[in-house]
Every structure is written in C-alpha cells, then in structure tokens.
Amino acid sequence: MNVPTQIRQARDVGVLGWVDKLLIAVWRGSSIDGADVFYDEMTRGFERYQSKVGHLAVIEPKTEMPPPEARRRISQVFDEHPQACSVVAVVFEGSGFFASAVGSVASAIMLLSGRATPFKVCNNLPEAALFMTRHISVHGEPITPGLCKGAVDHLRTQYKRASLRPPSIAPRG
C-alpha cells in the first residue's frame, strides 16, 4: 500500500508521513518546531531501517525560509546517521526568485551535513520520482510519479482535516 502512514503534523507548518522507507514532507511554513518534528521523524526512520532511507520534501509556494537554527537542526539528523540516507529530493512548487532562493537554502542544508547523499532540487514530482528511483525503492517497486502524487495528495488531505478540527480543551480540575 502506498498511502503514507505514521503521519505527523508539524504544527501549522507542514505534514510528514512514511511510505515504506521514504519520508515525504509537505511544507507550507518553516520554524524550529517544524525542524524538530522532521529531526524526530527522520531519526525514527534511520533507527528503524538503518539504511536505504529516502526523503522527499515538497515546499509549497510562499513558504518562508527556515531560520538558521532550523537549518542546523535539519542538517544534524543527517550528521548523526551518515550511512542511513540514500537519497533526498526537494520539489519547489513555485517559480522565479522564490524557487531559486529556497533551492539554494536546501542545497546549503545538505552541504552543511557534509554527506555525499545523492541530492537534487527538482522542478516537479515526476522529476523527483525519476531521481529517487535510481537510489531506493518502495515496497520493492520503483518510485513512480503516481506514487509521489498520491502520497502528497493524501498528506495534504490529512493536513487539511487536522487544521479544520477545533482545538481540544483539557478539562480543568
């Protein structure tokens, strides 16, 4: 089944979920809290799978640049598990200066980690799928554009549902 599982919402900045050994994150904001959620989730995946883990990040238009502390936190997880990650692809759903600037930040994060992990800034999900499938598979099958699109759509739906729920109020007493 290629629907993301173990879905976690990063407050109001994004949503993450696993499809086998591939962590997919959809970001619509950035914060240290979001970086901490990413760090925790990647750490869980690295510790569980040990190797051949992949990451696909989808950055929505108008997403703010992550602050320096968040960039360091993201880079830290790759430093702590140098052999676990096999590929990272980042898709920017924007154009022009935004995509260029965010692409530069993503590249800098991977450079900070000092790892030779295959990394690519992609223009769209099909390009990301083609790149990632050269390095990992999902449930023993190649990563396809349809798998990526379906998983990203599912994560967005889950994010939307979670953001529409009223906040829970703990009983006093």
N, C-alpha and C. Protein backbone atom coordinates (compact mmCIF):
# COMPACT_ATOMS: atom_id res chain seq x y z
N MET A 1 0.85 -1.18 0.00
CA MET A 1 0.00 0.00 0.00
C MET A 1 0.89 1.24 0.00
N ASN A 2 0.60 2.20 -0.84
CA ASN A 2 1.45 3.37 -0.99
C ASN A 2 0.85 4.64 -0.42
N VAL A 3 -0.03 4.50 0.55
CA VAL A 3 -0.57 5.66 1.25
C VAL A 3 0.33 5.91 2.45
N PRO A 4 0.72 7.16 2.68
CA PRO A 4 1.60 7.43 3.81
C PRO A 4 0.99 6.98 5.14
N THR A 5 1.85 6.44 5.98
CA THR A 5 1.45 6.03 7.31
C THR A 5 2.28 6.80 8.32
N GLN A 6 1.99 6.60 9.58
CA GLN A 6 2.71 7.29 10.65
C GLN A 6 2.77 8.80 10.36
N ILE A 7 1.61 9.36 10.06
CA ILE A 7 1.52 10.76 9.68
C ILE A 7 1.65 11.64 10.91
N ARG A 8 2.48 12.66 10.79
CA ARG A 8 2.65 13.63 11.88
C ARG A 8 2.51 15.03 11.32
N GLN A 9 1.77 15.84 12.02
CA GLN A 9 1.64 17.23 11.63
C GLN A 9 2.66 18.05 12.39
N ALA A 10 3.34 18.92 11.69
CA ALA A 10 4.33 19.81 12.30
C ALA A 10 3.66 21.15 12.56
N ARG A 11 2.85 21.15 13.59
CA ARG A 11 2.06 22.33 13.97
C ARG A 11 1.40 22.92 12.73
N ASP A 12 1.62 24.19 12.48
CA ASP A 12 0.96 24.80 11.32
C ASP A 12 1.92 25.00 10.15
N VAL A 13 3.02 24.24 10.13
CA VAL A 13 3.99 24.44 9.05
C VAL A 13 4.09 23.30 8.06
N GLY A 14 3.53 22.14 8.38
CA GLY A 14 3.63 21.05 7.42
C GLY A 14 3.12 19.73 7.97
N VAL A 15 3.25 18.71 7.12
CA VAL A 15 2.81 17.36 7.47
C VAL A 15 3.80 16.37 6.87
N LEU A 16 4.07 15.29 7.62
CA LEU A 16 5.03 14.28 7.19
C LEU A 16 4.40 12.91 7.30
N GLY A 17 4.81 11.99 6.44
CA GLY A 17 4.35 10.61 6.52
C GLY A 17 5.29 9.68 5.79
N TRP A 18 5.30 8.42 6.22
CA TRP A 18 6.18 7.40 5.63
C TRP A 18 5.44 6.56 4.61
N VAL A 19 6.09 6.28 3.49
CA VAL A 19 5.68 5.25 2.55
C VAL A 19 6.88 4.30 2.50
N ASP A 20 6.75 3.20 3.22
CA ASP A 20 7.86 2.26 3.38
C ASP A 20 9.06 3.02 3.97
N LYS A 21 10.19 3.06 3.27
CA LYS A 21 11.39 3.74 3.78
C LYS A 21 11.53 5.17 3.26
N LEU A 22 10.49 5.72 2.71
CA LEU A 22 10.52 7.08 2.15
C LEU A 22 9.70 8.02 3.03
N LEU A 23 10.37 9.00 3.62
CA LEU A 23 9.67 10.03 4.39
C LEU A 23 9.31 11.17 3.45
N ILE A 24 8.02 11.45 3.34
CA ILE A 24 7.54 12.53 2.50
C ILE A 24 7.05 13.64 3.42
N ALA A 25 7.50 14.86 3.14
CA ALA A 25 7.08 16.02 3.92
C ALA A 25 6.55 17.08 2.98
N VAL A 26 5.42 17.66 3.35
CA VAL A 26 4.85 18.79 2.61
C VAL A 26 4.93 19.98 3.55
N TRP A 27 5.68 20.99 3.14
CA TRP A 27 5.91 22.17 3.98
C TRP A 27 5.19 23.38 3.42
N ARG A 28 4.48 24.09 4.29
CA ARG A 28 3.85 25.35 3.91
C ARG A 28 4.26 26.47 4.84
N GLY A 29 5.29 26.22 5.62
CA GLY A 29 5.85 27.19 6.54
C GLY A 29 7.14 26.62 7.08
N SER A 30 7.83 27.39 7.90
CA SER A 30 9.06 26.88 8.49
C SER A 30 9.21 27.44 9.89
N SER A 31 9.78 26.62 10.75
CA SER A 31 10.01 27.04 12.13
C SER A 31 10.95 26.04 12.77
N ILE A 32 11.46 26.38 13.92
CA ILE A 32 12.29 25.42 14.65
C ILE A 32 11.43 24.24 15.09
N ASP A 33 10.16 24.47 15.42
CA ASP A 33 9.28 23.37 15.79
C ASP A 33 9.13 22.37 14.64
N GLY A 34 8.97 22.89 13.44
CA GLY A 34 8.88 22.02 12.27
C GLY A 34 10.16 21.24 12.04
N ALA A 35 11.30 21.91 12.24
CA ALA A 35 12.60 21.24 12.10
C ALA A 35 12.75 20.14 13.15
N ASP A 36 12.25 20.40 14.36
CA ASP A 36 12.32 19.38 15.42
C ASP A 36 11.46 18.16 15.07
N VAL A 37 10.28 18.39 14.52
CA VAL A 37 9.42 17.27 14.12
C VAL A 37 10.12 16.48 13.02
N PHE A 38 10.71 17.16 12.04
CA PHE A 38 11.45 16.48 10.97
C PHE A 38 12.60 15.67 11.56
N TYR A 39 13.37 16.29 12.44
CA TYR A 39 14.51 15.61 13.08
C TYR A 39 14.03 14.33 13.77
N ASP A 40 12.98 14.44 14.58
CA ASP A 40 12.47 13.28 15.31
C ASP A 40 12.00 12.18 14.36
N GLU A 41 11.30 12.56 13.31
CA GLU A 41 10.75 11.57 12.39
C GLU A 41 11.86 10.90 11.58
N MET A 42 12.82 11.67 11.08
CA MET A 42 13.94 11.07 10.34
C MET A 42 14.76 10.17 11.25
N THR A 43 14.96 10.59 12.49
CA THR A 43 15.71 9.76 13.44
C THR A 43 15.01 8.42 13.63
N ARG A 44 13.69 8.45 13.82
CA ARG A 44 12.93 7.20 13.96
C ARG A 44 13.13 6.30 12.74
N GLY A 45 13.04 6.89 11.56
CA GLY A 45 13.21 6.11 10.34
C GLY A 45 14.62 5.56 10.19
N PHE A 46 15.62 6.38 10.47
CA PHE A 46 17.01 5.92 10.38
C PHE A 46 17.27 4.79 11.36
N GLU A 47 16.75 4.91 12.57
CA GLU A 47 16.97 3.88 13.58
C GLU A 47 16.19 2.60 13.25
N ARG A 48 15.04 2.76 12.66
CA ARG A 48 14.23 1.58 12.31
C ARG A 48 14.80 0.83 11.11
N TYR A 49 15.14 1.56 10.05
CA TYR A 49 15.54 0.92 8.80
C TYR A 49 17.05 0.78 8.64
N GLN A 50 17.83 1.61 9.27
CA GLN A 50 19.30 1.56 9.25
C GLN A 50 19.93 2.04 7.93
N SER A 51 19.31 1.74 6.79
CA SER A 51 19.88 2.15 5.51
C SER A 51 18.78 2.21 4.45
N LYS A 52 19.15 2.75 3.32
CA LYS A 52 18.23 2.85 2.16
C LYS A 52 16.98 3.66 2.47
N VAL A 53 17.13 4.69 3.33
CA VAL A 53 16.03 5.59 3.64
C VAL A 53 16.08 6.76 2.67
N GLY A 54 14.93 7.21 2.21
CA GLY A 54 14.87 8.35 1.32
C GLY A 54 13.99 9.45 1.91
N HIS A 55 14.18 10.65 1.38
CA HIS A 55 13.35 11.78 1.82
C HIS A 55 12.93 12.60 0.62
N LEU A 56 11.64 12.89 0.55
CA LEU A 56 11.07 13.78 -0.46
C LEU A 56 10.44 14.94 0.28
N ALA A 57 10.92 16.15 0.02
CA ALA A 57 10.33 17.36 0.60
C ALA A 57 9.63 18.13 -0.51
N VAL A 58 8.40 18.51 -0.26
CA VAL A 58 7.63 19.34 -1.18
C VAL A 58 7.42 20.67 -0.47
N ILE A 59 7.94 21.73 -1.07
CA ILE A 59 7.86 23.06 -0.48
C ILE A 59 6.82 23.85 -1.25
N GLU A 60 5.75 24.24 -0.56
CA GLU A 60 4.67 24.97 -1.22
C GLU A 60 5.07 26.43 -1.45
N PRO A 61 4.42 27.07 -2.43
CA PRO A 61 4.74 28.48 -2.71
C PRO A 61 4.56 29.35 -1.48
N LYS A 62 5.38 30.35 -1.39
CA LYS A 62 5.34 31.36 -0.33
C LYS A 62 5.74 30.81 1.04
N THR A 63 6.34 29.64 1.06
CA THR A 63 6.86 29.10 2.32
C THR A 63 8.07 29.93 2.71
N GLU A 64 8.12 30.30 3.97
CA GLU A 64 9.24 31.12 4.45
C GLU A 64 10.52 30.29 4.50
N MET A 65 11.64 30.97 4.38
CA MET A 65 12.92 30.31 4.52
C MET A 65 13.08 29.84 5.96
N PRO A 66 13.64 28.65 6.17
CA PRO A 66 13.84 28.23 7.55
C PRO A 66 14.91 29.08 8.23
N PRO A 67 14.70 29.42 9.50
CA PRO A 67 15.71 30.20 10.21
C PRO A 67 16.99 29.37 10.38
N PRO A 68 18.13 30.03 10.63
CA PRO A 68 19.40 29.30 10.76
C PRO A 68 19.35 28.14 11.76
N GLU A 69 18.68 28.34 12.89
CA GLU A 69 18.60 27.28 13.89
C GLU A 69 17.87 26.05 13.32
N ALA A 70 16.83 26.28 12.54
CA ALA A 70 16.09 25.17 11.92
C ALA A 70 16.96 24.48 10.87
N ARG A 71 17.71 25.23 10.10
CA ARG A 71 18.60 24.62 9.10
C ARG A 71 19.64 23.73 9.77
N ARG A 72 20.19 24.20 10.88
CA ARG A 72 21.18 23.39 11.61
C ARG A 72 20.54 22.11 12.14
N ARG A 73 19.32 22.21 12.64
CA ARG A 73 18.63 21.05 13.20
C ARG A 73 18.37 20.01 12.11
N ILE A 74 17.95 20.46 10.94
CA ILE A 74 17.70 19.55 9.82
C ILE A 74 18.99 18.86 9.41
N SER A 75 20.07 19.62 9.29
CA SER A 75 21.36 19.07 8.91
C SER A 75 21.87 18.07 9.95
N GLN A 76 21.59 18.33 11.21
CA GLN A 76 22.07 17.50 12.32
C GLN A 76 21.66 16.04 12.17
N VAL A 77 20.43 15.79 11.75
CA VAL A 77 19.95 14.41 11.67
C VAL A 77 20.75 13.62 10.63
N PHE A 78 21.18 14.25 9.56
CA PHE A 78 21.98 13.56 8.56
C PHE A 78 23.39 13.30 9.09
N ASP A 79 23.92 14.24 9.88
CA ASP A 79 25.23 14.05 10.50
C ASP A 79 25.24 12.87 11.47
N GLU A 80 24.17 12.73 12.23
CA GLU A 80 24.10 11.70 13.26
C GLU A 80 23.87 10.30 12.70
N HIS A 81 23.38 10.21 11.47
CA HIS A 81 23.10 8.91 10.83
C HIS A 81 23.68 8.92 9.42
N PRO A 82 25.00 8.99 9.30
CA PRO A 82 25.62 9.23 8.00
C PRO A 82 25.40 8.15 6.94
N GLN A 83 25.16 6.92 7.34
CA GLN A 83 25.01 5.85 6.35
C GLN A 83 23.55 5.50 6.05
N ALA A 84 22.62 6.12 6.75
CA ALA A 84 21.23 5.69 6.65
C ALA A 84 20.48 6.26 5.44
N CYS A 85 20.79 7.49 5.06
CA CYS A 85 20.02 8.15 3.99
C CYS A 85 20.64 7.88 2.62
N SER A 86 19.83 7.42 1.71
CA SER A 86 20.30 7.09 0.36
C SER A 86 19.97 8.13 -0.69
N VAL A 87 18.98 8.99 -0.41
CA VAL A 87 18.59 9.99 -1.41
C VAL A 87 17.69 11.05 -0.78
N VAL A 88 17.85 12.28 -1.26
CA VAL A 88 16.98 13.38 -0.86
C VAL A 88 16.60 14.15 -2.11
N ALA A 89 15.29 14.34 -2.30
CA ALA A 89 14.79 15.15 -3.41
C ALA A 89 13.89 16.24 -2.82
N VAL A 90 14.03 17.44 -3.35
CA VAL A 90 13.24 18.57 -2.89
C VAL A 90 12.53 19.17 -4.11
N VAL A 91 11.21 19.31 -3.99
CA VAL A 91 10.39 19.91 -5.06
C VAL A 91 9.85 21.24 -4.57
N PHE A 92 10.07 22.28 -5.35
CA PHE A 92 9.56 23.61 -5.02
C PHE A 92 8.39 23.92 -5.92
N GLU A 93 7.26 24.16 -5.31
CA GLU A 93 6.06 24.48 -6.07
C GLU A 93 5.93 25.99 -6.21
N GLY A 94 6.88 26.56 -6.80
CA GLY A 94 6.89 27.99 -7.04
C GLY A 94 7.79 28.23 -8.24
N SER A 95 8.01 29.49 -8.52
CA SER A 95 8.87 29.77 -9.66
C SER A 95 9.67 31.03 -9.38
N GLY A 96 10.57 31.30 -10.27
CA GLY A 96 11.35 32.53 -10.19
C GLY A 96 12.24 32.59 -8.98
N PHE A 97 12.30 33.79 -8.39
CA PHE A 97 13.20 34.04 -7.28
C PHE A 97 12.92 33.12 -6.10
N PHE A 98 11.65 32.88 -5.79
CA PHE A 98 11.30 32.01 -4.66
C PHE A 98 11.94 30.64 -4.81
N ALA A 99 11.72 30.00 -5.94
CA ALA A 99 12.25 28.65 -6.13
C ALA A 99 13.77 28.66 -6.10
N SER A 100 14.37 29.67 -6.68
CA SER A 100 15.82 29.77 -6.68
C SER A 100 16.37 29.94 -5.27
N ALA A 101 15.76 30.82 -4.50
CA ALA A 101 16.23 31.09 -3.14
C ALA A 101 16.05 29.87 -2.23
N VAL A 102 14.90 29.24 -2.30
CA VAL A 102 14.65 28.09 -1.45
C VAL A 102 15.53 26.92 -1.89
N GLY A 103 15.76 26.79 -3.17
CA GLY A 103 16.66 25.75 -3.67
C GLY A 103 18.07 25.93 -3.14
N SER A 104 18.51 27.17 -3.06
CA SER A 104 19.83 27.46 -2.51
C SER A 104 19.91 27.08 -1.04
N VAL A 105 18.86 27.37 -0.29
CA VAL A 105 18.84 27.02 1.14
C VAL A 105 18.87 25.50 1.31
N ALA A 106 18.07 24.78 0.53
CA ALA A 106 18.05 23.31 0.63
C ALA A 106 19.41 22.73 0.30
N SER A 107 20.04 23.26 -0.73
CA SER A 107 21.38 22.78 -1.09
C SER A 107 22.37 23.06 0.03
N ALA A 108 22.27 24.23 0.65
CA ALA A 108 23.17 24.58 1.75
C ALA A 108 22.98 23.64 2.94
N ILE A 109 21.75 23.27 3.23
CA ILE A 109 21.50 22.34 4.33
C ILE A 109 22.21 21.02 4.08
N MET A 110 22.11 20.51 2.87
CA MET A 110 22.77 19.24 2.56
C MET A 110 24.30 19.39 2.57
N LEU A 111 24.80 20.53 2.11
CA LEU A 111 26.24 20.76 2.16
C LEU A 111 26.74 20.84 3.59
N LEU A 112 25.94 21.46 4.47
CA LEU A 112 26.31 21.55 5.88
C LEU A 112 26.47 20.17 6.51
N SER A 113 25.66 19.23 6.05
CA SER A 113 25.73 17.90 6.64
C SER A 113 27.03 17.20 6.27
N GLY A 114 27.68 17.65 5.20
CA GLY A 114 28.94 17.05 4.80
C GLY A 114 28.81 15.65 4.21
N ARG A 115 27.61 15.23 3.91
CA ARG A 115 27.39 13.89 3.39
C ARG A 115 27.37 13.90 1.87
N ALA A 116 27.70 12.78 1.31
CA ALA A 116 27.67 12.63 -0.14
C ALA A 116 26.34 12.01 -0.58
N THR A 117 25.31 12.18 0.21
CA THR A 117 23.99 11.64 -0.11
C THR A 117 23.52 12.23 -1.44
N PRO A 118 23.07 11.41 -2.37
CA PRO A 118 22.51 11.96 -3.60
C PRO A 118 21.37 12.93 -3.27
N PHE A 119 21.46 14.12 -3.82
CA PHE A 119 20.53 15.20 -3.51
C PHE A 119 20.21 15.95 -4.79
N LYS A 120 18.94 16.30 -4.95
CA LYS A 120 18.56 17.07 -6.14
C LYS A 120 17.37 17.97 -5.83
N VAL A 121 17.48 19.20 -6.30
CA VAL A 121 16.35 20.12 -6.30
C VAL A 121 15.61 19.87 -7.61
N CYS A 122 14.33 19.53 -7.51
CA CYS A 122 13.54 19.12 -8.67
C CYS A 122 12.45 20.14 -8.98
N ASN A 123 12.06 20.18 -10.24
CA ASN A 123 11.01 21.10 -10.67
C ASN A 123 9.61 20.58 -10.40
N ASN A 124 9.48 19.24 -10.27
CA ASN A 124 8.15 18.65 -10.10
C ASN A 124 8.28 17.23 -9.54
N LEU A 125 7.15 16.64 -9.19
CA LEU A 125 7.15 15.30 -8.60
C LEU A 125 7.64 14.22 -9.57
N PRO A 126 7.28 14.26 -10.86
CA PRO A 126 7.82 13.23 -11.76
C PRO A 126 9.36 13.25 -11.83
N GLU A 127 9.93 14.44 -11.85
CA GLU A 127 11.40 14.53 -11.87
C GLU A 127 11.98 13.96 -10.57
N ALA A 128 11.36 14.25 -9.44
CA ALA A 128 11.82 13.74 -8.15
C ALA A 128 11.72 12.21 -8.12
N ALA A 129 10.61 11.67 -8.61
CA ALA A 129 10.42 10.22 -8.62
C ALA A 129 11.50 9.54 -9.46
N LEU A 130 11.76 10.07 -10.64
CA LEU A 130 12.77 9.51 -11.52
C LEU A 130 14.15 9.53 -10.85
N PHE A 131 14.47 10.62 -10.18
CA PHE A 131 15.75 10.73 -9.48
C PHE A 131 15.83 9.73 -8.32
N MET A 132 14.80 9.68 -7.48
CA MET A 132 14.85 8.83 -6.29
C MET A 132 14.86 7.34 -6.62
N THR A 133 14.16 6.95 -7.68
CA THR A 133 14.07 5.52 -8.00
C THR A 133 15.41 4.94 -8.42
N ARG A 134 16.38 5.80 -8.76
CA ARG A 134 17.73 5.30 -9.06
C ARG A 134 18.47 4.89 -7.79
N HIS A 135 17.94 5.28 -6.63
CA HIS A 135 18.66 5.06 -5.37
C HIS A 135 17.91 4.19 -4.37
N ILE A 136 16.58 4.21 -4.39
CA ILE A 136 15.78 3.41 -3.45
C ILE A 136 14.52 2.92 -4.15
N SER A 137 13.85 1.99 -3.49
CA SER A 137 12.54 1.53 -3.97
C SER A 137 11.55 1.63 -2.81
N VAL A 138 10.29 1.48 -3.12
CA VAL A 138 9.23 1.49 -2.12
C VAL A 138 8.52 0.15 -2.21
N HIS A 139 8.54 -0.60 -1.12
CA HIS A 139 7.96 -1.94 -1.10
C HIS A 139 8.51 -2.80 -2.24
N GLY A 140 9.79 -2.62 -2.56
CA GLY A 140 10.43 -3.40 -3.61
C GLY A 140 10.11 -2.98 -5.02
N GLU A 141 9.35 -1.90 -5.18
CA GLU A 141 8.95 -1.41 -6.50
C GLU A 141 9.58 -0.05 -6.78
N PRO A 142 9.75 0.31 -8.05
CA PRO A 142 10.29 1.64 -8.37
C PRO A 142 9.37 2.75 -7.86
N ILE A 143 9.95 3.86 -7.51
CA ILE A 143 9.17 5.04 -7.13
C ILE A 143 8.66 5.67 -8.41
N THR A 144 7.37 5.90 -8.46
CA THR A 144 6.75 6.45 -9.68
C THR A 144 6.17 7.82 -9.39
N PRO A 145 5.95 8.62 -10.45
CA PRO A 145 5.27 9.90 -10.25
C PRO A 145 3.90 9.72 -9.61
N GLY A 146 3.18 8.67 -10.00
CA GLY A 146 1.85 8.42 -9.43
C GLY A 146 1.91 8.14 -7.94
N LEU A 147 2.90 7.39 -7.51
CA LEU A 147 3.08 7.12 -6.09
C LEU A 147 3.32 8.43 -5.34
N CYS A 148 4.24 9.25 -5.87
CA CYS A 148 4.56 10.52 -5.20
C CYS A 148 3.35 11.44 -5.15
N LYS A 149 2.65 11.58 -6.27
CA LYS A 149 1.49 12.47 -6.30
C LYS A 149 0.40 11.98 -5.35
N GLY A 150 0.12 10.69 -5.38
CA GLY A 150 -0.90 10.14 -4.49
C GLY A 150 -0.56 10.33 -3.03
N ALA A 151 0.70 10.11 -2.68
CA ALA A 151 1.14 10.27 -1.30
C ALA A 151 1.07 11.73 -0.86
N VAL A 152 1.52 12.63 -1.72
CA VAL A 152 1.48 14.06 -1.39
C VAL A 152 0.03 14.54 -1.25
N ASP A 153 -0.83 14.11 -2.16
CA ASP A 153 -2.26 14.48 -2.07
C ASP A 153 -2.86 13.96 -0.76
N HIS A 154 -2.52 12.74 -0.39
CA HIS A 154 -3.04 12.16 0.85
C HIS A 154 -2.56 12.96 2.07
N LEU A 155 -1.30 13.34 2.08
CA LEU A 155 -0.77 14.13 3.19
C LEU A 155 -1.47 15.49 3.27
N ARG A 156 -1.70 16.11 2.11
CA ARG A 156 -2.39 17.40 2.11
C ARG A 156 -3.82 17.27 2.66
N THR A 157 -4.48 16.19 2.28
CA THR A 157 -5.84 15.96 2.80
C THR A 157 -5.81 15.78 4.31
N GLN A 158 -4.85 15.02 4.81
CA GLN A 158 -4.74 14.81 6.25
C GLN A 158 -4.42 16.12 6.97
N TYR A 159 -3.58 16.92 6.37
CA TYR A 159 -3.22 18.22 6.96
C TYR A 159 -4.45 19.11 7.04
N LYS A 160 -5.20 19.13 5.95
CA LYS A 160 -6.40 19.97 5.91
C LYS A 160 -7.42 19.51 6.95
N ARG A 161 -7.61 18.20 7.06
CA ARG A 161 -8.55 17.68 8.06
C ARG A 161 -8.12 18.06 9.47
N ALA A 162 -6.83 17.92 9.74
CA ALA A 162 -6.31 18.24 11.08
C ALA A 162 -6.46 19.73 11.38
N SER A 163 -6.25 20.57 10.38
CA SER A 163 -6.33 22.02 10.63
C SER A 163 -7.77 22.50 10.76
N LEU A 164 -8.73 21.70 10.31
CA LEU A 164 -10.14 22.08 10.43
C LEU A 164 -10.74 21.66 11.77
N ARG A 165 -10.07 20.75 12.47
CA ARG A 165 -10.58 20.30 13.77
C ARG A 165 -10.47 21.41 14.79
N PRO A 166 -11.49 21.55 15.64
CA PRO A 166 -11.35 22.55 16.70
C PRO A 166 -10.30 22.08 17.70
N PRO A 167 -9.61 23.02 18.33
CA PRO A 167 -8.60 22.61 19.31
C PRO A 167 -9.26 21.90 20.49
N SER A 168 -8.54 20.91 21.01
CA SER A 168 -9.10 20.21 22.16
C SER A 168 -8.85 21.03 23.43
N ILE A 169 -9.80 20.95 24.30
CA ILE A 169 -9.69 21.70 25.57
C ILE A 169 -9.64 20.68 26.69
N ALA A 170 -8.54 20.70 27.43
CA ALA A 170 -8.39 19.76 28.54
C ALA A 170 -9.32 20.18 29.68
N PRO A 171 -10.00 19.19 30.29
CA PRO A 171 -10.88 19.54 31.42
C PRO A 171 -10.06 20.05 32.59
N ARG A 172 -10.60 21.01 33.29
CA ARG A 172 -9.91 21.54 34.47
C ARG A 172 -10.21 20.68 35.67
N GLY A 173 -9.26 20.68 36.55
CA GLY A 173 -9.64 20.05 37.77
C GLY A 173 -8.78 19.11 38.35
